[in-house]
Amino acid sequence: MSLKDFLAFDSLLSDRTRLAIMATLTSSEEPIDFNTLLEQLDLTKGNLSSHMRKLEDAKLIKVSKRFIDRKPKTTYVASTRGSLELKNYLTQIQNVIEKVDE
């Protein structure tokens, strides 16, 4: 892969917030709820919601919505595709780093 190829790579993961969300989800063995993500990533509700919608639309995450004691609880996990996309993206970043270090 050349550096030019990297510039042509279009990924939702090039956004640092979505990258952080995916890294958080893929490193967790359990689903993570909305409020936990808010705390861990120090985002606003609107900002997090917007990024989660983009990741969900791209099928990089799976969303589960349910009620616990009449209160809504939304949890997220990285999909198989999402985990693979993150791994591929990080591999491409590593390839660029190696090219720069040559």
N, C-alpha and C. Protein backbone atom coordinates (compact mmCIF):
# COMPACT_ATOMS: atom_id res chain seq x y z
N MET A 1 0.84 -1.18 0.00
CA MET A 1 0.00 0.00 0.00
C MET A 1 0.88 1.24 0.00
N SER A 2 0.58 2.16 -0.90
CA SER A 2 1.33 3.41 -0.94
C SER A 2 0.62 4.45 -0.10
N LEU A 3 1.31 5.53 0.18
CA LEU A 3 0.68 6.62 0.94
C LEU A 3 -0.49 7.21 0.17
N LYS A 4 -0.40 7.22 -1.15
CA LYS A 4 -1.49 7.70 -1.99
C LYS A 4 -2.74 6.85 -1.78
N ASP A 5 -2.56 5.52 -1.67
CA ASP A 5 -3.69 4.63 -1.41
C ASP A 5 -4.36 4.97 -0.07
N PHE A 6 -3.55 5.33 0.89
CA PHE A 6 -4.10 5.67 2.20
C PHE A 6 -4.97 6.91 2.13
N LEU A 7 -4.56 7.89 1.34
CA LEU A 7 -5.35 9.11 1.20
C LEU A 7 -6.70 8.84 0.55
N ALA A 8 -6.77 7.82 -0.29
CA ALA A 8 -8.01 7.48 -0.98
C ALA A 8 -8.94 6.67 -0.08
N PHE A 9 -8.43 6.16 1.01
CA PHE A 9 -9.21 5.33 1.91
C PHE A 9 -10.25 6.19 2.63
N ASP A 10 -11.50 5.85 2.42
CA ASP A 10 -12.59 6.60 3.06
C ASP A 10 -13.22 5.71 4.12
N SER A 11 -13.10 6.13 5.34
CA SER A 11 -13.64 5.31 6.41
C SER A 11 -14.32 6.15 7.48
N LEU A 12 -15.37 5.62 8.02
CA LEU A 12 -16.01 6.27 9.16
C LEU A 12 -15.06 6.32 10.34
N LEU A 13 -14.09 5.43 10.34
CA LEU A 13 -13.19 5.34 11.47
C LEU A 13 -12.09 6.40 11.45
N SER A 14 -12.01 7.16 10.39
CA SER A 14 -10.99 8.22 10.36
C SER A 14 -11.36 9.37 11.30
N ASP A 15 -12.61 9.42 11.74
CA ASP A 15 -13.03 10.40 12.74
C ASP A 15 -12.57 9.91 14.11
N ARG A 16 -11.90 10.76 14.87
CA ARG A 16 -11.31 10.32 16.14
C ARG A 16 -12.35 9.88 17.16
N THR A 17 -13.52 10.48 17.14
CA THR A 17 -14.57 10.08 18.09
C THR A 17 -15.09 8.70 17.74
N ARG A 18 -15.37 8.45 16.47
CA ARG A 18 -15.86 7.13 16.08
C ARG A 18 -14.79 6.07 16.28
N LEU A 19 -13.53 6.44 16.06
CA LEU A 19 -12.43 5.51 16.32
C LEU A 19 -12.38 5.16 17.81
N ALA A 20 -12.54 6.15 18.67
CA ALA A 20 -12.53 5.91 20.12
C ALA A 20 -13.73 5.05 20.54
N ILE A 21 -14.89 5.29 19.94
CA ILE A 21 -16.07 4.49 20.25
C ILE A 21 -15.82 3.04 19.87
N MET A 22 -15.33 2.81 18.67
CA MET A 22 -15.10 1.45 18.21
C MET A 22 -14.01 0.76 19.03
N ALA A 23 -12.97 1.49 19.39
CA ALA A 23 -11.91 0.91 20.23
C ALA A 23 -12.48 0.50 21.59
N THR A 24 -13.34 1.34 22.13
CA THR A 24 -13.96 1.05 23.42
C THR A 24 -14.86 -0.19 23.32
N LEU A 25 -15.67 -0.24 22.28
CA LEU A 25 -16.59 -1.37 22.14
C LEU A 25 -15.87 -2.68 21.85
N THR A 26 -14.85 -2.64 21.01
CA THR A 26 -14.16 -3.89 20.67
C THR A 26 -13.30 -4.39 21.82
N SER A 27 -12.90 -3.51 22.72
CA SER A 27 -12.07 -3.95 23.85
C SER A 27 -12.91 -4.47 25.02
N SER A 28 -14.22 -4.34 24.92
CA SER A 28 -15.11 -4.78 25.99
C SER A 28 -15.69 -6.16 25.67
N GLU A 29 -15.73 -7.00 26.68
CA GLU A 29 -16.34 -8.32 26.50
C GLU A 29 -17.85 -8.28 26.68
N GLU A 30 -18.35 -7.20 27.25
CA GLU A 30 -19.77 -7.04 27.52
C GLU A 30 -20.32 -5.85 26.75
N PRO A 31 -21.63 -5.82 26.49
CA PRO A 31 -22.23 -4.63 25.89
C PRO A 31 -22.00 -3.42 26.79
N ILE A 32 -21.89 -2.25 26.18
CA ILE A 32 -21.68 -1.01 26.94
C ILE A 32 -22.90 -0.12 26.73
N ASP A 33 -23.40 0.42 27.83
CA ASP A 33 -24.59 1.25 27.72
C ASP A 33 -24.22 2.70 27.37
N PHE A 34 -25.22 3.41 26.92
CA PHE A 34 -25.06 4.78 26.43
C PHE A 34 -24.40 5.68 27.47
N ASN A 35 -24.89 5.63 28.71
CA ASN A 35 -24.35 6.52 29.74
C ASN A 35 -22.89 6.21 30.07
N THR A 36 -22.52 4.95 30.03
CA THR A 36 -21.12 4.59 30.26
C THR A 36 -20.23 5.16 29.17
N LEU A 37 -20.69 5.06 27.92
CA LEU A 37 -19.92 5.66 26.81
C LEU A 37 -19.80 7.17 26.99
N LEU A 38 -20.90 7.81 27.42
CA LEU A 38 -20.86 9.26 27.66
C LEU A 38 -19.75 9.61 28.65
N GLU A 39 -19.70 8.86 29.74
CA GLU A 39 -18.70 9.10 30.78
C GLU A 39 -17.29 8.82 30.30
N GLN A 40 -17.10 7.65 29.70
CA GLN A 40 -15.76 7.23 29.29
C GLN A 40 -15.16 8.14 28.22
N LEU A 41 -16.00 8.63 27.32
CA LEU A 41 -15.50 9.41 26.19
C LEU A 41 -15.70 10.91 26.37
N ASP A 42 -16.39 11.31 27.44
CA ASP A 42 -16.62 12.72 27.75
C ASP A 42 -17.24 13.46 26.57
N LEU A 43 -18.38 12.93 26.10
CA LEU A 43 -19.10 13.51 24.97
C LEU A 43 -20.45 14.04 25.44
N THR A 44 -21.07 14.86 24.61
CA THR A 44 -22.44 15.26 24.89
C THR A 44 -23.37 14.18 24.36
N LYS A 45 -24.60 14.18 24.85
CA LYS A 45 -25.58 13.18 24.40
C LYS A 45 -25.82 13.28 22.89
N GLY A 46 -25.96 14.50 22.40
CA GLY A 46 -26.21 14.70 20.98
C GLY A 46 -25.04 14.24 20.12
N ASN A 47 -23.83 14.55 20.57
CA ASN A 47 -22.63 14.15 19.83
C ASN A 47 -22.52 12.64 19.77
N LEU A 48 -22.67 11.99 20.92
CA LEU A 48 -22.58 10.53 20.95
C LEU A 48 -23.68 9.90 20.10
N SER A 49 -24.90 10.41 20.23
CA SER A 49 -26.02 9.86 19.45
C SER A 49 -25.75 9.94 17.95
N SER A 50 -25.23 11.06 17.51
CA SER A 50 -24.94 11.26 16.09
C SER A 50 -23.90 10.26 15.59
N HIS A 51 -22.85 10.07 16.36
CA HIS A 51 -21.80 9.12 15.95
C HIS A 51 -22.31 7.68 15.99
N MET A 52 -23.11 7.37 17.00
CA MET A 52 -23.63 6.01 17.10
C MET A 52 -24.57 5.69 15.94
N ARG A 53 -25.33 6.67 15.51
CA ARG A 53 -26.24 6.47 14.37
C ARG A 53 -25.44 6.15 13.11
N LYS A 54 -24.34 6.88 12.89
CA LYS A 54 -23.51 6.64 11.70
C LYS A 54 -22.90 5.24 11.75
N LEU A 55 -22.43 4.84 12.92
CA LEU A 55 -21.84 3.51 13.06
C LEU A 55 -22.90 2.42 12.89
N GLU A 56 -24.09 2.67 13.40
CA GLU A 56 -25.18 1.71 13.26
C GLU A 56 -25.61 1.60 11.80
N ASP A 57 -25.74 2.72 11.12
CA ASP A 57 -26.13 2.72 9.71
C ASP A 57 -25.12 1.95 8.86
N ALA A 58 -23.84 2.03 9.23
CA ALA A 58 -22.79 1.32 8.50
C ALA A 58 -22.65 -0.14 8.96
N LYS A 59 -23.49 -0.54 9.92
CA LYS A 59 -23.49 -1.90 10.47
C LYS A 59 -22.18 -2.26 11.15
N LEU A 60 -21.52 -1.25 11.75
CA LEU A 60 -20.29 -1.50 12.49
C LEU A 60 -20.57 -1.80 13.96
N ILE A 61 -21.79 -1.47 14.41
CA ILE A 61 -22.19 -1.77 15.78
C ILE A 61 -23.58 -2.39 15.78
N LYS A 62 -23.89 -3.07 16.87
CA LYS A 62 -25.23 -3.59 17.09
C LYS A 62 -25.82 -2.87 18.29
N VAL A 63 -27.07 -2.50 18.17
CA VAL A 63 -27.75 -1.73 19.21
C VAL A 63 -28.87 -2.57 19.81
N SER A 64 -28.95 -2.54 21.13
CA SER A 64 -30.02 -3.23 21.83
C SER A 64 -30.74 -2.21 22.72
N LYS A 65 -32.05 -2.13 22.54
CA LYS A 65 -32.86 -1.21 23.35
C LYS A 65 -33.87 -2.02 24.13
N ARG A 66 -33.91 -1.77 25.43
CA ARG A 66 -34.88 -2.47 26.28
C ARG A 66 -35.24 -1.58 27.45
N PHE A 67 -36.22 -2.02 28.20
CA PHE A 67 -36.64 -1.27 29.38
C PHE A 67 -36.28 -2.07 30.63
N ILE A 68 -35.72 -1.37 31.60
CA ILE A 68 -35.43 -1.95 32.91
C ILE A 68 -36.11 -1.06 33.94
N ASP A 69 -37.05 -1.65 34.69
CA ASP A 69 -37.85 -0.88 35.65
C ASP A 69 -38.47 0.36 34.99
N ARG A 70 -39.02 0.15 33.82
CA ARG A 70 -39.72 1.19 33.05
C ARG A 70 -38.81 2.30 32.54
N LYS A 71 -37.52 2.09 32.61
CA LYS A 71 -36.57 3.08 32.09
C LYS A 71 -35.85 2.48 30.88
N PRO A 72 -35.72 3.26 29.82
CA PRO A 72 -35.04 2.73 28.63
C PRO A 72 -33.54 2.54 28.89
N LYS A 73 -33.00 1.47 28.34
CA LYS A 73 -31.56 1.22 28.43
C LYS A 73 -31.08 0.77 27.06
N THR A 74 -30.16 1.52 26.51
CA THR A 74 -29.59 1.21 25.21
C THR A 74 -28.16 0.74 25.40
N THR A 75 -27.84 -0.41 24.83
CA THR A 75 -26.48 -0.93 24.91
C THR A 75 -25.94 -1.17 23.51
N TYR A 76 -24.63 -1.20 23.41
CA TYR A 76 -23.95 -1.33 22.13
C TYR A 76 -22.85 -2.38 22.21
N VAL A 77 -22.65 -3.07 21.11
CA VAL A 77 -21.50 -3.95 20.92
C VAL A 77 -20.99 -3.73 19.50
N ALA A 78 -19.72 -3.98 19.32
CA ALA A 78 -19.16 -3.93 17.97
C ALA A 78 -19.63 -5.18 17.22
N SER A 79 -20.06 -4.99 16.00
CA SER A 79 -20.46 -6.14 15.18
C SER A 79 -19.19 -6.84 14.68
N THR A 80 -19.37 -8.03 14.14
CA THR A 80 -18.23 -8.74 13.57
C THR A 80 -17.59 -7.88 12.48
N ARG A 81 -18.44 -7.29 11.67
CA ARG A 81 -17.95 -6.40 10.60
C ARG A 81 -17.21 -5.20 11.19
N GLY A 82 -17.76 -4.63 12.26
CA GLY A 82 -17.13 -3.48 12.90
C GLY A 82 -15.75 -3.81 13.45
N SER A 83 -15.64 -4.97 14.09
CA SER A 83 -14.34 -5.40 14.63
C SER A 83 -13.33 -5.59 13.50
N LEU A 84 -13.78 -6.18 12.41
CA LEU A 84 -12.91 -6.39 11.26
C LEU A 84 -12.51 -5.07 10.62
N GLU A 85 -13.46 -4.15 10.47
CA GLU A 85 -13.15 -2.83 9.91
C GLU A 85 -12.14 -2.08 10.77
N LEU A 86 -12.30 -2.16 12.09
CA LEU A 86 -11.35 -1.50 12.98
C LEU A 86 -9.96 -2.10 12.82
N LYS A 87 -9.89 -3.41 12.79
CA LYS A 87 -8.60 -4.08 12.62
C LYS A 87 -7.95 -3.69 11.29
N ASN A 88 -8.73 -3.68 10.22
CA ASN A 88 -8.19 -3.30 8.91
C ASN A 88 -7.72 -1.85 8.90
N TYR A 89 -8.49 -0.98 9.51
CA TYR A 89 -8.13 0.45 9.57
C TYR A 89 -6.82 0.63 10.33
N LEU A 90 -6.70 -0.04 11.47
CA LEU A 90 -5.47 0.08 12.26
C LEU A 90 -4.27 -0.52 11.53
N THR A 91 -4.50 -1.58 10.78
CA THR A 91 -3.42 -2.16 9.96
C THR A 91 -2.96 -1.16 8.91
N GLN A 92 -3.90 -0.47 8.29
CA GLN A 92 -3.54 0.53 7.29
C GLN A 92 -2.77 1.68 7.92
N ILE A 93 -3.18 2.09 9.10
CA ILE A 93 -2.44 3.15 9.81
C ILE A 93 -1.02 2.67 10.10
N GLN A 94 -0.89 1.43 10.56
CA GLN A 94 0.43 0.87 10.86
C GLN A 94 1.29 0.83 9.60
N ASN A 95 0.70 0.47 8.47
CA ASN A 95 1.45 0.45 7.21
C ASN A 95 1.97 1.83 6.84
N VAL A 96 1.15 2.85 7.07
CA VAL A 96 1.59 4.22 6.80
C VAL A 96 2.74 4.60 7.72
N ILE A 97 2.62 4.26 8.99
CA ILE A 97 3.68 4.57 9.96
C ILE A 97 4.99 3.90 9.52
N GLU A 98 4.91 2.66 9.10
CA GLU A 98 6.10 1.95 8.65
C GLU A 98 6.70 2.60 7.41
N LYS A 99 5.87 3.06 6.48
CA LYS A 99 6.37 3.76 5.28
C LYS A 99 7.09 5.06 5.66
N VAL A 100 6.52 5.78 6.61
CA VAL A 100 7.12 7.05 7.03
C VAL A 100 8.45 6.80 7.74
N ASP A 101 8.54 5.70 8.48
CA ASP A 101 9.76 5.38 9.22
C ASP A 101 10.89 4.88 8.33
N GLU A 102 10.60 4.53 7.07
CA GLU A 102 11.64 3.99 6.17
C GLU A 102 12.70 5.00 5.85
